[in-house]
């Protein structure tokens, strides 16, 4: 049906739950794209201890990327680039 189909490594669309389901396979240093299934980091308040879950450290990657993107957007709107 798809003659050009190629299997790629999990690291190109790693689901966050893979870390707990298959810890021997998981290597965050290899992950290129992290798929936030279930709880989304943009729906979690990092200052609320009640919202801390086993994937909290992975949400921190998303929060850092969001903050970096916001900083670049702010600089771009002022006519400068980092």
Protein backbone atom coordinates (compact mmCIF):
# COMPACT_ATOMS: atom_id res chain seq x y z
CA UNK A 1 0.00 0.00 0.00
CA UNK A 2 2.83 2.41 0.85
CA UNK A 3 5.89 1.15 -1.03
CA UNK A 4 8.09 4.03 0.17
CA UNK A 5 7.20 3.59 3.85
CA UNK A 6 10.23 3.63 6.13
CA UNK A 7 10.29 2.82 9.81
CA UNK A 8 12.05 5.50 11.85
CA UNK A 9 13.37 5.45 15.38
CA UNK A 10 11.11 6.39 18.28
CA UNK A 11 13.29 9.45 18.84
CA UNK A 12 11.59 11.29 15.97
CA UNK A 13 8.20 11.19 17.73
CA UNK A 14 8.85 10.03 21.27
CA UNK A 15 5.80 9.89 23.49
CA UNK A 16 6.51 10.99 27.04
CA UNK A 17 5.10 7.77 28.51
CA UNK A 18 7.75 5.70 26.72
CA UNK A 19 10.16 6.68 29.49
CA UNK A 20 8.16 4.74 32.08
CA UNK A 21 6.89 1.99 29.78
CA UNK A 22 10.30 1.17 28.27
CA UNK A 23 13.00 2.76 30.43
CA UNK A 24 15.82 0.76 28.80
CA UNK A 25 14.90 2.22 25.40
CA UNK A 26 14.43 5.81 26.54
CA UNK A 27 17.33 8.22 26.06
CA UNK A 28 16.33 11.88 26.31
CA UNK A 29 19.64 12.88 24.68
CA UNK A 30 18.51 11.09 21.51
CA UNK A 31 14.96 12.47 21.36
CA UNK A 32 14.38 14.89 18.47
CA UNK A 33 10.64 15.42 18.93
CA UNK A 34 8.73 14.90 22.15
CA UNK A 35 5.01 14.21 21.82
CA UNK A 36 3.04 15.35 24.87
CA UNK A 37 0.18 12.89 25.03
CA UNK A 38 -2.29 12.98 27.93
CA UNK A 39 -1.44 15.97 30.16
CA UNK A 40 -0.11 18.92 28.15
CA UNK A 41 2.61 21.16 29.63
CA UNK A 42 0.71 24.29 28.56
CA UNK A 43 -2.13 23.16 30.86
CA UNK A 44 0.14 22.68 33.90
CA UNK A 45 0.97 25.45 36.35
CA UNK A 46 4.64 24.90 37.26
CA UNK A 47 4.17 26.79 40.51
CA UNK A 48 1.40 24.45 41.73
CA UNK A 49 2.89 21.45 43.59
CA UNK A 50 -0.41 19.59 43.19
CA UNK A 51 0.19 19.46 39.44
CA UNK A 52 3.63 17.87 39.66
CA UNK A 53 3.60 14.44 38.05
CA UNK A 54 6.24 11.93 36.85
CA UNK A 55 6.69 13.89 33.60
CA UNK A 56 7.20 17.32 35.18
CA UNK A 57 10.87 17.41 34.12
CA UNK A 58 9.80 16.84 30.49
CA UNK A 59 7.36 19.73 30.70
CA UNK A 60 10.34 21.90 31.61
CA UNK A 61 11.72 21.33 28.08
CA UNK A 62 8.50 22.71 26.64
CA UNK A 63 8.42 25.68 29.03
CA UNK A 64 12.03 26.56 28.14
CA UNK A 65 11.28 26.36 24.40
CA UNK A 66 8.18 28.54 24.88
CA UNK A 67 10.19 31.13 26.79
CA UNK A 68 12.93 31.12 24.13
CA UNK A 69 10.36 31.56 21.35
CA UNK A 70 8.72 34.43 23.23
CA UNK A 71 12.09 36.15 23.67
CA UNK A 72 12.88 35.83 19.95
CA UNK A 73 9.41 37.11 19.03
CA UNK A 74 9.87 40.08 21.36
CA UNK A 75 13.23 40.94 19.82
CA UNK A 76 11.86 40.49 16.30
CA UNK A 77 8.98 42.86 17.00
CA UNK A 78 11.53 45.47 18.10
CA UNK A 79 13.49 45.09 14.86
CA UNK A 80 16.43 43.17 16.26
CA UNK A 81 17.45 39.55 16.30
CA UNK A 82 19.43 37.59 18.87
